Protein backbone atom coordinates (compact mmCIF):
# COMPACT_ATOMS: atom_id res chain seq x y z
CA MET A 1 0.00 0.00 0.00
CA ASP A 2 1.09 3.57 -0.55
CA ILE A 3 1.64 5.98 2.31
CA ARG A 4 2.14 9.72 2.02
CA ILE A 5 3.25 11.72 5.04
CA GLY A 6 3.26 15.49 5.12
CA ILE A 7 5.95 17.12 7.23
CA THR A 8 5.51 20.60 8.69
CA GLN A 9 7.81 23.25 7.24
CA ALA A 10 8.96 20.89 4.47
CA PRO A 11 8.11 21.51 0.82
CA ARG A 12 7.76 17.83 -0.08
CA GLU A 13 5.93 14.92 1.43
CA ILE A 14 7.38 11.50 2.20
CA ALA A 15 6.02 8.77 -0.09
CA LEU A 16 6.50 5.11 0.86
CA GLU A 17 5.33 1.69 -0.26
CA VAL A 18 4.76 -0.88 2.48
CA GLU A 19 3.45 -4.43 2.56
CA ASP A 20 -0.31 -4.52 2.18
CA ASP A 21 -2.41 -6.75 4.35
CA THR A 22 -5.03 -6.10 7.00
CA LYS A 23 -2.69 -6.69 9.95
CA ALA A 24 -0.02 -4.36 8.54
CA ARG A 25 -2.61 -1.64 7.83
CA ASP A 26 -4.04 -1.87 11.36
CA ALA A 27 -0.57 -1.84 12.95
CA LEU A 28 0.41 1.21 10.89
CA LYS A 29 -2.75 3.07 11.91
CA LYS A 30 -2.07 2.33 15.58
CA SER A 31 1.53 3.53 15.24
CA VAL A 32 0.39 6.75 13.55
CA GLU A 33 -2.24 7.36 16.22
CA LYS A 34 0.36 6.94 18.98
CA ALA A 35 2.68 9.38 17.23
CA LEU A 36 -0.07 11.97 16.73
CA LYS A 37 -1.19 11.65 20.37
CA GLY A 38 2.38 12.22 21.54
CA GLU A 39 2.76 8.76 23.08
CA VAL A 40 5.95 8.21 21.05
CA ASP A 41 8.53 10.72 19.83
CA THR A 42 9.34 8.95 16.56
CA LEU A 43 7.17 7.16 14.02
CA TRP A 44 9.07 4.19 12.56
CA ILE A 45 7.91 2.66 9.28
CA THR A 46 9.51 -0.22 7.36
CA ASP A 47 9.04 -0.02 3.59
CA LYS A 48 8.78 -2.88 1.05
CA LYS A 49 12.55 -2.93 0.55
CA GLY A 50 13.14 -3.44 4.28
CA ARG A 51 14.40 0.08 4.97
CA ASP A 52 13.42 1.65 8.30
CA ILE A 53 12.27 5.27 8.10
CA ALA A 54 12.08 7.48 11.19
CA ILE A 55 9.80 10.51 11.25
CA PRO A 56 9.71 12.91 14.22
CA ALA A 57 6.15 12.71 15.55
CA ALA A 58 6.01 16.43 16.31
CA LYS A 59 6.65 17.26 12.61
CA ILE A 60 3.85 15.14 11.12
CA ALA A 61 1.26 17.31 9.37
CA TYR A 62 -0.85 14.48 7.86
CA VAL A 63 -0.75 10.82 6.94
CA GLU A 64 -2.54 9.35 3.93
CA ILE A 65 -2.81 5.58 3.66
CA GLY A 66 -3.63 4.68 0.08
CA SER A 67 -4.52 1.73 -2.03
CA THR A 68 -2.56 -1.25 -3.24
CA ASP A 69 -0.68 -1.34 -6.54
CA ALA A 70 -3.23 -3.77 -7.96
CA GLU A 71 -5.97 -1.14 -7.68
CA ARG A 72 -4.06 1.48 -9.68
CA ARG A 73 -5.14 2.12 -13.23
CA ILE A 74 -2.76 3.34 -15.87
CA GLY A 75 -3.94 4.68 -19.20
CA PHE A 76 -7.49 4.53 -20.45
CA GLY A 77 -9.79 2.38 -18.37
CA ASP A 78 -13.45 1.53 -18.11
């Protein structure tokens, strides 16, 4: 699934691809909620390539959890 994270006072957002399943989506949502509530100082996300990305919780402006690659349409569709 695609994730886009807006960072305050930064001109670009962070775009990541992570494994897509129900458990991973729920775990990600819980991690984001903890970061936005201030329960943790850093939001850690592991992307599809196994890289760990750290985002300071205080700098998160928004988080968008998108669809899977299979749902994307390229070109002319129905």
